[in-house]
């Protein structure tokens, strides 16, 4: 009588839980049910275990292919993120949320009265540095300095008669430069604590402190003025820089700031 591969010799013939045969032991040929034979309905299926090395796979004990996830019965497509939410390779980004590559976010208009972007702030600082260098030293150029003002510009010093118009400003500064040269002074200007705010019309409003300093040759530094300055700046016609439309100067110790 052939040995049942699922019953160890010398034990009861009552069907026992099926276990893998000892390693290296191949089950006798012919013990597997013929292909196509239905399993005995009165016998509970035995636990499926891996056969030992060299053991042929019983087609009736192989894993049921139905346990492999069917791609047609997988997760509902509705639970998968909608690919339409991700821009495709040919999809252009929304221009409303993308910084302009030419203008850049730093040049976009700021709300009136709000601080301006750092790049615009730096541009105003450069404007003032260039402007004041034009009336300092041996290369002082009052004509070029006057060109940094609009044709109808106004400079008012608290308590004095204002200079109105570019030509009046040119004459006034030319006289000042000539006086400094005649004294043999080194004359310097320092602007600091600059605050820049945009106006509703695209102009800029600035407020800053200014020191005017004179040093005679071989002498000591003398601070000739300490002022609070208020400017209104507008774009030059070609849009390449700024011009002063109005400048109000308030020396320390005088009312008006």
Protein backbone atom coordinates (compact mmCIF):
# COMPACT_ATOMS: atom_id res chain seq x y z
CA UNK A 1 0.00 0.00 0.00
CA UNK A 2 1.58 3.26 -1.02
CA UNK A 3 2.38 5.67 1.76
CA UNK A 4 0.13 8.68 1.88
CA UNK A 5 2.45 11.65 1.42
CA UNK A 6 0.47 13.59 4.08
CA UNK A 7 0.55 10.78 6.74
CA UNK A 8 3.74 9.75 8.45
CA UNK A 9 4.32 5.93 8.63
CA UNK A 10 3.00 4.24 11.82
CA UNK A 11 0.29 6.82 12.52
CA UNK A 12 -3.46 6.72 12.16
CA UNK A 13 -4.88 6.72 8.68
CA UNK A 14 -7.30 9.50 9.70
CA UNK A 15 -6.59 12.43 7.43
CA UNK A 16 -4.15 14.70 9.17
CA UNK A 17 -3.21 18.27 8.38
CA UNK A 18 -1.10 18.18 5.34
CA UNK A 19 2.48 19.17 5.84
CA UNK A 20 5.41 19.49 3.55
CA UNK A 21 7.33 16.23 3.06
CA UNK A 22 10.76 16.00 4.62
CA UNK A 23 13.41 17.87 2.77
CA UNK A 24 14.83 15.80 -0.02
CA UNK A 25 11.86 13.41 -0.02
CA UNK A 26 9.88 13.42 -3.22
CA UNK A 27 6.26 12.22 -2.99
CA UNK A 28 5.65 8.88 -4.80
CA UNK A 29 4.45 9.24 -8.31
CA UNK A 30 0.77 8.77 -8.84
CA UNK A 31 -0.33 10.13 -5.50
CA UNK A 32 -1.50 13.41 -6.95
CA UNK A 33 -5.13 13.32 -8.11
CA UNK A 34 -5.51 13.19 -11.85
CA UNK A 35 -5.88 16.50 -13.59
CA UNK A 36 -9.46 17.56 -13.86
CA UNK A 37 -10.59 15.49 -10.83
CA UNK A 38 -12.60 17.52 -8.38
CA UNK A 39 -11.43 17.29 -4.77
CA UNK A 40 -13.46 15.15 -2.38
CA UNK A 41 -16.17 17.46 -0.97
CA UNK A 42 -16.01 15.69 2.38
CA UNK A 43 -12.38 16.46 2.88
CA UNK A 44 -11.38 19.95 3.98
CA UNK A 45 -8.67 21.38 1.83
CA UNK A 46 -5.29 21.09 3.41
CA UNK A 47 -3.20 24.15 4.18
CA UNK A 48 -1.24 25.11 1.12
CA UNK A 49 2.48 24.74 1.79
CA UNK A 50 5.53 25.02 -0.35
CA UNK A 51 6.77 21.64 -1.67
CA UNK A 52 10.21 20.45 -0.78
CA UNK A 53 13.14 20.86 -3.11
CA UNK A 54 12.78 18.78 -6.23
CA UNK A 55 9.07 18.25 -5.68
CA UNK A 56 6.85 18.85 -8.70
CA UNK A 57 4.19 21.47 -8.12
CA UNK A 58 0.78 19.92 -7.70
CA UNK A 59 -1.56 21.89 -9.99
CA UNK A 60 -4.39 21.42 -7.46
CA UNK A 61 -2.35 22.80 -4.57
CA UNK A 62 -0.77 25.74 -6.43
CA UNK A 63 -1.89 29.20 -5.36
CA UNK A 64 -5.17 30.21 -6.89
CA UNK A 65 -4.51 32.71 -9.62
CA UNK A 66 -7.67 34.44 -8.58
CA UNK A 67 -5.84 35.78 -5.54
CA UNK A 68 -3.67 37.95 -7.76
CA UNK A 69 -5.15 41.45 -7.87
CA UNK A 70 -7.09 41.89 -11.05
CA UNK A 71 -6.18 45.15 -12.72
CA UNK A 72 -9.85 45.57 -13.61
CA UNK A 73 -10.90 45.25 -9.96
CA UNK A 74 -8.12 47.41 -8.49
CA UNK A 75 -8.68 50.66 -6.62
CA UNK A 76 -11.40 52.81 -7.98
CA UNK A 77 -10.09 55.36 -10.45
CA UNK A 78 -11.76 58.05 -8.44
CA UNK A 79 -9.32 57.51 -5.58
CA UNK A 80 -6.33 58.14 -7.81
CA UNK A 81 -5.14 61.78 -7.93
CA UNK A 82 -6.46 63.46 -11.04
CA UNK A 83 -3.58 63.77 -13.45
CA UNK A 84 -5.22 66.84 -14.82
CA UNK A 85 -4.17 68.78 -11.73
CA UNK A 86 -0.52 68.51 -12.74
CA UNK A 87 0.54 70.68 -15.72
CA UNK A 88 1.61 68.52 -18.62
CA UNK A 89 4.94 68.96 -20.39
CA UNK A 90 3.35 71.28 -22.94
CA UNK A 91 1.21 73.22 -20.50
CA UNK A 92 2.24 76.86 -20.02
CA UNK A 93 2.18 78.17 -16.41
CA UNK A 94 -0.52 80.65 -15.51
CA UNK A 95 0.85 84.10 -16.29
CA UNK A 96 -1.13 85.56 -13.41
CA UNK A 97 0.95 83.67 -10.86
CA UNK A 98 4.31 83.65 -12.69
CA UNK A 99 6.72 86.57 -12.20
CA UNK A 100 7.34 88.51 -15.39
CA UNK A 101 10.79 87.36 -16.64
CA UNK A 102 11.55 90.84 -17.97
CA UNK A 103 10.14 93.14 -15.33
CA UNK A 104 10.74 90.86 -12.37
CA UNK A 105 8.67 90.92 -9.17
CA UNK A 106 10.82 93.70 -7.70
CA UNK A 107 9.62 96.19 -10.38
CA UNK A 108 5.93 95.52 -9.99
CA UNK A 109 3.99 98.46 -8.59
CA UNK A 110 3.63 98.64 -4.82
CA UNK A 111 0.44 99.94 -3.21
CA UNK A 112 0.51 103.67 -2.57
CA UNK A 113 2.17 104.44 0.75
CA UNK A 114 3.68 100.96 1.16
CA UNK A 115 7.44 100.31 1.31
CA UNK A 116 8.94 99.72 -2.14
CA UNK A 117 10.81 96.55 -3.21
CA UNK A 118 14.50 96.37 -2.34
CA UNK A 119 15.71 96.71 -5.94
CA UNK A 120 13.73 99.93 -6.43
CA UNK A 121 14.99 101.25 -3.10
CA UNK A 122 18.58 100.58 -4.20
CA UNK A 123 17.90 102.37 -7.48
CA UNK A 124 16.80 105.50 -5.60
CA UNK A 125 19.95 105.36 -3.49
CA UNK A 126 22.04 105.20 -6.66
CA UNK A 127 20.18 108.18 -8.07
CA UNK A 128 21.00 110.31 -5.03
CA UNK A 129 24.64 109.22 -4.99
CA UNK A 130 25.06 110.17 -8.65
CA UNK A 131 23.19 113.46 -8.19
CA UNK A 132 25.30 114.71 -5.30
CA UNK A 133 28.60 113.61 -6.86
CA UNK A 134 27.78 116.05 -9.68
CA UNK A 135 28.34 119.06 -7.38
CA UNK A 136 31.35 117.81 -5.40
CA UNK A 137 35.07 118.03 -6.05
CA UNK A 138 37.09 119.48 -8.89
CA UNK A 139 34.79 117.88 -11.47
CA UNK A 140 31.60 119.51 -10.13
CA UNK A 141 29.11 120.09 -12.96
CA UNK A 142 26.18 122.36 -11.98
CA UNK A 143 24.60 122.02 -15.44
CA UNK A 144 24.46 118.22 -15.19
CA UNK A 145 23.12 118.52 -11.63
CA UNK A 146 20.30 120.80 -12.79
CA UNK A 147 19.34 118.18 -15.39
CA UNK A 148 18.38 115.80 -12.56
CA UNK A 149 15.35 118.06 -11.92
CA UNK A 150 12.22 118.47 -14.03
CA UNK A 151 11.73 121.67 -16.05
CA UNK A 152 9.17 122.93 -13.53
CA UNK A 153 10.93 121.64 -10.41
CA UNK A 154 10.84 123.50 -7.11
CA UNK A 155 13.46 123.58 -4.35
CA UNK A 156 12.31 125.21 -1.15
CA UNK A 157 14.37 125.77 1.96
CA UNK A 158 12.19 126.38 5.01
CA UNK A 159 12.09 130.11 5.69
CA UNK A 160 13.66 131.13 2.35
CA UNK A 161 12.36 132.01 -1.11
CA UNK A 162 12.12 128.84 -3.22
CA UNK A 163 13.90 128.28 -6.53
CA UNK A 164 11.27 127.54 -9.17
CA UNK A 165 12.16 125.95 -12.50
CA UNK A 166 15.28 124.19 -13.74
CA UNK A 167 17.02 127.38 -14.85
CA UNK A 168 16.63 129.02 -11.44
CA UNK A 169 17.96 125.86 -9.82
CA UNK A 170 20.90 125.80 -12.21
CA UNK A 171 21.87 129.40 -11.41
CA UNK A 172 21.59 128.86 -7.66
CA UNK A 173 23.74 125.75 -7.53
CA UNK A 174 26.33 127.20 -9.91
CA UNK A 175 26.79 130.12 -7.51
CA UNK A 176 27.20 127.73 -4.58
CA UNK A 177 29.80 125.59 -6.37
CA UNK A 178 31.79 128.70 -7.32
CA UNK A 179 31.76 129.89 -3.70
CA UNK A 180 33.03 126.54 -2.39
CA UNK A 181 35.83 126.48 -4.97
CA UNK A 182 36.86 130.01 -4.01
CA UNK A 183 37.16 128.97 -0.34
CA UNK A 184 39.30 125.96 -1.19
CA UNK A 185 37.03 123.62 0.73
CA UNK A 186 36.43 119.94 0.24
CA UNK A 187 32.65 119.81 0.36
CA UNK A 188 30.69 116.61 0.86
CA UNK A 189 27.05 115.59 1.18
CA UNK A 190 25.74 112.59 3.07
CA UNK A 191 22.19 111.26 2.78
CA UNK A 192 20.89 108.62 5.18
CA UNK A 193 17.84 107.08 6.84
CA UNK A 194 16.15 107.05 3.44
CA UNK A 195 12.47 106.14 3.32
CA UNK A 196 10.82 105.57 -0.09
CA UNK A 197 7.07 105.30 -0.66
CA UNK A 198 5.17 105.04 -3.95
CA UNK A 199 2.58 107.66 -4.84
CA UNK A 200 -0.76 106.97 -6.48
CA UNK A 201 0.40 108.59 -9.74
CA UNK A 202 3.52 106.42 -10.12
CA UNK A 203 5.82 108.98 -8.48
CA UNK A 204 7.91 108.32 -5.39
CA UNK A 205 7.92 110.20 -2.07
CA UNK A 206 11.21 110.13 -0.20
CA UNK A 207 12.28 111.37 3.21
CA UNK A 208 15.88 111.34 4.36
CA UNK A 209 18.45 113.10 6.55
CA UNK A 210 21.23 115.14 4.95
CA UNK A 211 24.54 116.49 6.23
CA UNK A 212 26.54 119.14 4.40
CA UNK A 213 30.22 119.04 5.42
CA UNK A 214 33.12 121.36 4.58
CA UNK A 215 36.78 120.72 5.30
CA UNK A 216 39.36 123.44 4.58
CA UNK A 217 42.72 122.30 3.28
CA UNK A 218 44.72 121.19 6.30
CA UNK A 219 41.81 122.01 8.60
CA UNK A 220 39.12 120.18 10.55
CA UNK A 221 35.76 118.94 9.35
CA UNK A 222 32.93 121.43 9.80
CA UNK A 223 29.31 120.33 9.53
CA UNK A 224 27.64 123.22 7.77
CA UNK A 225 24.10 121.87 7.81
CA UNK A 226 21.88 119.08 9.14
CA UNK A 227 18.53 118.81 7.43
CA UNK A 228 15.45 116.68 6.88
CA UNK A 229 14.66 116.44 3.16
CA UNK A 230 11.41 115.60 1.40
CA UNK A 231 11.50 114.81 -2.34
CA UNK A 232 8.97 113.92 -4.98
CA UNK A 233 10.58 111.84 -7.73
CA UNK A 234 9.12 111.13 -11.17
CA UNK A 235 10.31 108.95 -14.02
CA UNK A 236 12.43 110.58 -16.70
CA UNK A 237 10.77 110.80 -20.12
CA UNK A 238 12.82 107.91 -21.49
CA UNK A 239 12.01 105.87 -18.38
CA UNK A 240 15.69 105.27 -17.65
CA UNK A 241 15.91 107.05 -14.32
CA UNK A 242 14.39 109.55 -11.91
CA UNK A 243 14.03 113.32 -11.76
CA UNK A 244 13.24 115.53 -8.78
CA UNK A 245 9.97 117.44 -9.21
CA UNK A 246 9.89 118.94 -5.74
CA UNK A 247 12.43 119.17 -2.93
CA UNK A 248 11.70 120.62 0.50
CA UNK A 249 14.61 121.14 2.90
CA UNK A 250 14.04 121.70 6.62
CA UNK A 251 17.22 122.56 8.61
CA UNK A 252 17.34 121.23 12.14
CA UNK A 253 16.05 123.80 14.59
CA UNK A 254 13.45 125.19 12.20
CA UNK A 255 9.78 124.23 12.11
CA UNK A 256 8.30 122.62 9.06
CA UNK A 257 9.15 118.89 9.11
